[in-house]
Amino acid sequence: MNKNRPNKITFRLSDSELQELRARIKKSGFNEQQFLIRALFSNKVIEKESLHQLLVELRREGVNLNQIARACNSGNVAFETERIKQSIANLEKLWQSLRQ
């Protein structure tokens, strides 16, 4: 037993998942424990609720884009310029939040 890490956790993998894990561990040059600890703690955890909020906003922007496209196809391009700019700004904000 490791005095610094006395706790143990187990989980199940399919055969293909285990193969993929072993290949990644081998490629990394670390042992299993080092690889898994680095993989677990070097990435930011994405909260499920945050993802839901982002998906809701993305759907809203999709609806806006569809409305803009319909209006442009019907010849109302001049009136939609401001909505297009606002939609682009909203999508850029959404993209930035996804990148963080």
N, C-alpha and C. Protein backbone atom coordinates (compact mmCIF):
# COMPACT_ATOMS: atom_id res chain seq x y z
N MET A 1 0.84 -1.18 0.00
CA MET A 1 0.00 0.00 0.00
C MET A 1 0.88 1.25 0.00
N ASN A 2 0.49 2.22 -0.77
CA ASN A 2 1.20 3.49 -0.86
C ASN A 2 0.75 4.39 0.29
N LYS A 3 1.70 4.86 1.10
CA LYS A 3 1.34 5.69 2.26
C LYS A 3 0.76 7.04 1.84
N ASN A 4 1.22 7.57 0.70
CA ASN A 4 0.71 8.85 0.22
C ASN A 4 -0.65 8.73 -0.44
N ARG A 5 -0.94 7.55 -0.94
CA ARG A 5 -2.21 7.32 -1.64
C ARG A 5 -2.83 6.01 -1.16
N PRO A 6 -3.43 6.02 0.02
CA PRO A 6 -3.96 4.78 0.58
C PRO A 6 -5.31 4.35 -0.02
N ASN A 7 -5.96 5.22 -0.76
CA ASN A 7 -7.29 4.91 -1.29
C ASN A 7 -7.22 4.30 -2.69
N LYS A 8 -8.14 3.39 -2.95
CA LYS A 8 -8.16 2.70 -4.22
C LYS A 8 -9.55 2.86 -4.84
N ILE A 9 -9.58 3.00 -6.15
CA ILE A 9 -10.85 3.11 -6.87
C ILE A 9 -10.78 2.18 -8.08
N THR A 10 -11.91 1.54 -8.39
CA THR A 10 -11.95 0.66 -9.56
C THR A 10 -13.12 1.07 -10.44
N PHE A 11 -13.01 0.76 -11.71
CA PHE A 11 -14.10 1.00 -12.65
C PHE A 11 -13.99 0.01 -13.79
N ARG A 12 -15.05 -0.12 -14.54
CA ARG A 12 -15.12 -1.13 -15.59
C ARG A 12 -14.98 -0.50 -16.97
N LEU A 13 -14.32 -1.25 -17.86
CA LEU A 13 -14.13 -0.84 -19.25
C LEU A 13 -14.47 -2.01 -20.17
N SER A 14 -14.90 -1.68 -21.37
CA SER A 14 -15.08 -2.72 -22.37
C SER A 14 -13.69 -3.13 -22.87
N ASP A 15 -13.64 -4.20 -23.64
CA ASP A 15 -12.35 -4.65 -24.17
C ASP A 15 -11.70 -3.59 -25.04
N SER A 16 -12.50 -2.95 -25.90
CA SER A 16 -11.95 -1.93 -26.79
C SER A 16 -11.50 -0.69 -26.01
N GLU A 17 -12.24 -0.32 -24.96
CA GLU A 17 -11.84 0.82 -24.14
C GLU A 17 -10.53 0.52 -23.40
N LEU A 18 -10.40 -0.71 -22.91
CA LEU A 18 -9.17 -1.10 -22.22
C LEU A 18 -7.98 -1.07 -23.17
N GLN A 19 -8.19 -1.55 -24.39
CA GLN A 19 -7.12 -1.52 -25.40
C GLN A 19 -6.69 -0.09 -25.67
N GLU A 20 -7.67 0.79 -25.85
CA GLU A 20 -7.38 2.20 -26.11
C GLU A 20 -6.63 2.83 -24.94
N LEU A 21 -7.07 2.53 -23.72
CA LEU A 21 -6.40 3.07 -22.53
C LEU A 21 -4.96 2.60 -22.47
N ARG A 22 -4.75 1.32 -22.67
CA ARG A 22 -3.38 0.78 -22.61
C ARG A 22 -2.49 1.39 -23.70
N ALA A 23 -3.06 1.61 -24.89
CA ALA A 23 -2.29 2.22 -25.97
C ALA A 23 -1.89 3.65 -25.60
N ARG A 24 -2.82 4.38 -25.02
CA ARG A 24 -2.52 5.77 -24.62
C ARG A 24 -1.49 5.81 -23.50
N ILE A 25 -1.61 4.88 -22.54
CA ILE A 25 -0.64 4.83 -21.45
C ILE A 25 0.74 4.52 -22.00
N LYS A 26 0.84 3.55 -22.89
CA LYS A 26 2.13 3.18 -23.48
C LYS A 26 2.73 4.36 -24.24
N LYS A 27 1.90 5.04 -25.01
CA LYS A 27 2.36 6.18 -25.80
C LYS A 27 2.85 7.32 -24.91
N SER A 28 2.22 7.48 -23.74
CA SER A 28 2.57 8.60 -22.84
C SER A 28 3.93 8.41 -22.18
N GLY A 29 4.33 7.15 -21.95
CA GLY A 29 5.58 6.90 -21.26
C GLY A 29 5.44 6.84 -19.74
N PHE A 30 4.23 7.07 -19.24
CA PHE A 30 3.97 7.00 -17.81
C PHE A 30 3.45 5.62 -17.45
N ASN A 31 3.49 5.28 -16.15
CA ASN A 31 2.83 4.05 -15.74
C ASN A 31 1.34 4.33 -15.61
N GLU A 32 0.55 3.29 -15.35
CA GLU A 32 -0.91 3.45 -15.29
C GLU A 32 -1.34 4.51 -14.27
N GLN A 33 -0.80 4.42 -13.08
CA GLN A 33 -1.19 5.34 -12.02
C GLN A 33 -0.84 6.78 -12.39
N GLN A 34 0.37 7.01 -12.85
CA GLN A 34 0.78 8.36 -13.24
C GLN A 34 -0.11 8.90 -14.36
N PHE A 35 -0.36 8.06 -15.35
CA PHE A 35 -1.18 8.49 -16.49
C PHE A 35 -2.58 8.88 -16.04
N LEU A 36 -3.22 8.02 -15.26
CA LEU A 36 -4.60 8.27 -14.83
C LEU A 36 -4.70 9.50 -13.92
N ILE A 37 -3.75 9.66 -13.02
CA ILE A 37 -3.77 10.83 -12.14
C ILE A 37 -3.61 12.10 -12.97
N ARG A 38 -2.68 12.10 -13.90
CA ARG A 38 -2.49 13.28 -14.76
C ARG A 38 -3.74 13.54 -15.60
N ALA A 39 -4.32 12.49 -16.16
CA ALA A 39 -5.51 12.65 -16.99
C ALA A 39 -6.68 13.19 -16.18
N LEU A 40 -6.83 12.71 -14.97
CA LEU A 40 -7.95 13.15 -14.13
C LEU A 40 -7.82 14.58 -13.65
N PHE A 41 -6.64 14.98 -13.24
CA PHE A 41 -6.49 16.26 -12.58
C PHE A 41 -5.91 17.37 -13.43
N SER A 42 -5.54 17.08 -14.66
CA SER A 42 -4.99 18.15 -15.51
C SER A 42 -6.06 18.81 -16.37
N ASN A 43 -7.28 18.27 -16.37
CA ASN A 43 -8.36 18.83 -17.17
C ASN A 43 -9.40 19.49 -16.29
N LYS A 44 -9.98 20.56 -16.83
CA LYS A 44 -11.04 21.25 -16.12
C LYS A 44 -12.32 20.41 -16.20
N VAL A 45 -13.04 20.33 -15.11
CA VAL A 45 -14.30 19.60 -15.07
C VAL A 45 -15.41 20.51 -15.60
N ILE A 46 -16.18 20.00 -16.53
CA ILE A 46 -17.30 20.75 -17.08
C ILE A 46 -18.56 20.32 -16.36
N GLU A 47 -19.21 21.28 -15.75
CA GLU A 47 -20.43 20.98 -15.00
C GLU A 47 -21.59 20.74 -15.96
N LYS A 48 -22.37 19.73 -15.66
CA LYS A 48 -23.49 19.34 -16.51
C LYS A 48 -24.48 20.50 -16.71
N GLU A 49 -24.75 21.24 -15.66
CA GLU A 49 -25.70 22.36 -15.75
C GLU A 49 -25.18 23.45 -16.70
N SER A 50 -23.88 23.69 -16.67
CA SER A 50 -23.28 24.68 -17.58
C SER A 50 -23.46 24.26 -19.03
N LEU A 51 -23.26 22.99 -19.29
CA LEU A 51 -23.45 22.49 -20.66
C LEU A 51 -24.89 22.65 -21.10
N HIS A 52 -25.82 22.38 -20.20
CA HIS A 52 -27.24 22.53 -20.53
C HIS A 52 -27.55 23.98 -20.89
N GLN A 53 -27.04 24.92 -20.11
CA GLN A 53 -27.27 26.33 -20.39
C GLN A 53 -26.67 26.74 -21.74
N LEU A 54 -25.49 26.22 -22.06
CA LEU A 54 -24.87 26.52 -23.35
C LEU A 54 -25.69 25.96 -24.50
N LEU A 55 -26.21 24.75 -24.34
CA LEU A 55 -27.03 24.16 -25.39
C LEU A 55 -28.32 24.94 -25.61
N VAL A 56 -28.93 25.42 -24.53
CA VAL A 56 -30.14 26.23 -24.65
C VAL A 56 -29.83 27.50 -25.44
N GLU A 57 -28.73 28.15 -25.10
CA GLU A 57 -28.35 29.38 -25.80
C GLU A 57 -28.02 29.10 -27.27
N LEU A 58 -27.37 28.00 -27.52
CA LEU A 58 -27.04 27.63 -28.91
C LEU A 58 -28.31 27.38 -29.72
N ARG A 59 -29.29 26.75 -29.11
CA ARG A 59 -30.58 26.54 -29.79
C ARG A 59 -31.24 27.88 -30.12
N ARG A 60 -31.21 28.81 -29.16
CA ARG A 60 -31.79 30.14 -29.39
C ARG A 60 -31.13 30.82 -30.59
N GLU A 61 -29.81 30.74 -30.61
CA GLU A 61 -29.09 31.38 -31.73
C GLU A 61 -29.41 30.69 -33.05
N GLY A 62 -29.60 29.38 -33.02
CA GLY A 62 -29.98 28.66 -34.22
C GLY A 62 -31.34 29.12 -34.73
N VAL A 63 -32.28 29.31 -33.82
CA VAL A 63 -33.61 29.81 -34.19
C VAL A 63 -33.48 31.21 -34.80
N ASN A 64 -32.67 32.07 -34.16
CA ASN A 64 -32.46 33.42 -34.69
C ASN A 64 -31.89 33.38 -36.10
N LEU A 65 -30.90 32.52 -36.30
CA LEU A 65 -30.29 32.42 -37.64
C LEU A 65 -31.29 31.94 -38.68
N ASN A 66 -32.15 31.00 -38.30
CA ASN A 66 -33.17 30.54 -39.23
C ASN A 66 -34.14 31.66 -39.58
N GLN A 67 -34.53 32.46 -38.60
CA GLN A 67 -35.42 33.59 -38.86
C GLN A 67 -34.76 34.62 -39.76
N ILE A 68 -33.49 34.88 -39.52
CA ILE A 68 -32.75 35.83 -40.35
C ILE A 68 -32.66 35.31 -41.78
N ALA A 69 -32.37 34.02 -41.94
CA ALA A 69 -32.25 33.43 -43.28
C ALA A 69 -33.58 33.54 -44.02
N ARG A 70 -34.68 33.25 -43.34
CA ARG A 70 -36.01 33.36 -43.97
C ARG A 70 -36.28 34.79 -44.43
N ALA A 71 -35.96 35.74 -43.54
CA ALA A 71 -36.19 37.14 -43.87
C ALA A 71 -35.33 37.58 -45.05
N CYS A 72 -34.08 37.15 -45.05
CA CYS A 72 -33.18 37.51 -46.16
C CYS A 72 -33.65 36.89 -47.47
N ASN A 73 -34.11 35.66 -47.40
CA ASN A 73 -34.60 34.99 -48.61
C ASN A 73 -35.87 35.63 -49.15
N SER A 74 -36.60 36.33 -48.29
CA SER A 74 -37.82 36.98 -48.75
C SER A 74 -37.55 38.42 -49.17
N GLY A 75 -36.29 38.86 -49.13
CA GLY A 75 -35.93 40.18 -49.63
C GLY A 75 -35.81 41.24 -48.56
N ASN A 76 -35.89 40.90 -47.30
CA ASN A 76 -35.80 41.88 -46.21
C ASN A 76 -34.38 41.99 -45.65
N VAL A 77 -33.39 41.98 -46.51
CA VAL A 77 -31.99 41.97 -46.08
C VAL A 77 -31.64 43.23 -45.30
N ALA A 78 -32.09 44.38 -45.75
CA ALA A 78 -31.73 45.65 -45.10
C ALA A 78 -32.18 45.68 -43.65
N PHE A 79 -33.34 45.10 -43.36
CA PHE A 79 -33.88 45.13 -42.00
C PHE A 79 -33.19 44.13 -41.07
N GLU A 80 -32.52 43.17 -41.64
CA GLU A 80 -31.92 42.11 -40.82
C GLU A 80 -30.45 42.34 -40.49
N THR A 81 -29.85 43.39 -41.02
CA THR A 81 -28.43 43.63 -40.80
C THR A 81 -28.08 43.71 -39.32
N GLU A 82 -28.85 44.43 -38.55
CA GLU A 82 -28.58 44.57 -37.12
C GLU A 82 -28.76 43.24 -36.39
N ARG A 83 -29.78 42.48 -36.75
CA ARG A 83 -29.98 41.16 -36.12
C ARG A 83 -28.83 40.22 -36.46
N ILE A 84 -28.32 40.31 -37.67
CA ILE A 84 -27.18 39.47 -38.08
C ILE A 84 -25.96 39.82 -37.23
N LYS A 85 -25.69 41.11 -37.07
CA LYS A 85 -24.54 41.54 -36.25
C LYS A 85 -24.70 41.07 -34.81
N GLN A 86 -25.91 41.20 -34.27
CA GLN A 86 -26.15 40.78 -32.89
C GLN A 86 -26.00 39.26 -32.75
N SER A 87 -26.48 38.53 -33.72
CA SER A 87 -26.37 37.08 -33.68
C SER A 87 -24.91 36.64 -33.75
N ILE A 88 -24.14 37.30 -34.59
CA ILE A 88 -22.71 36.99 -34.69
C ILE A 88 -22.03 37.27 -33.36
N ALA A 89 -22.35 38.39 -32.73
CA ALA A 89 -21.76 38.74 -31.42
C ALA A 89 -22.14 37.69 -30.38
N ASN A 90 -23.40 37.27 -30.37
CA ASN A 90 -23.84 36.24 -29.41
C ASN A 90 -23.13 34.92 -29.64
N LEU A 91 -22.96 34.54 -30.90
CA LEU A 91 -22.27 33.29 -31.21
C LEU A 91 -20.80 33.37 -30.81
N GLU A 92 -20.18 34.52 -30.99
CA GLU A 92 -18.79 34.68 -30.57
C GLU A 92 -18.66 34.54 -29.06
N LYS A 93 -19.59 35.13 -28.30
CA LYS A 93 -19.58 34.98 -26.84
C LYS A 93 -19.76 33.52 -26.45
N LEU A 94 -20.68 32.86 -27.12
CA LEU A 94 -20.92 31.45 -26.85
C LEU A 94 -19.68 30.62 -27.15
N TRP A 95 -19.03 30.89 -28.26
CA TRP A 95 -17.80 30.19 -28.64
C TRP A 95 -16.71 30.40 -27.59
N GLN A 96 -16.56 31.63 -27.12
CA GLN A 96 -15.55 31.91 -26.09
C GLN A 96 -15.84 31.16 -24.80
N SER A 97 -17.11 31.09 -24.43
CA SER A 97 -17.45 30.36 -23.20
C SER A 97 -17.20 28.86 -23.36
N LEU A 98 -17.37 28.35 -24.57
CA LEU A 98 -17.07 26.92 -24.81
C LEU A 98 -15.57 26.66 -24.75
N ARG A 99 -14.78 27.60 -25.19
CA ARG A 99 -13.32 27.42 -25.22
C ARG A 99 -12.73 27.47 -23.82
N GLN A 100 -13.42 28.10 -22.89
CA GLN A 100 -12.90 28.20 -21.51
C GLN A 100 -13.24 26.94 -20.82
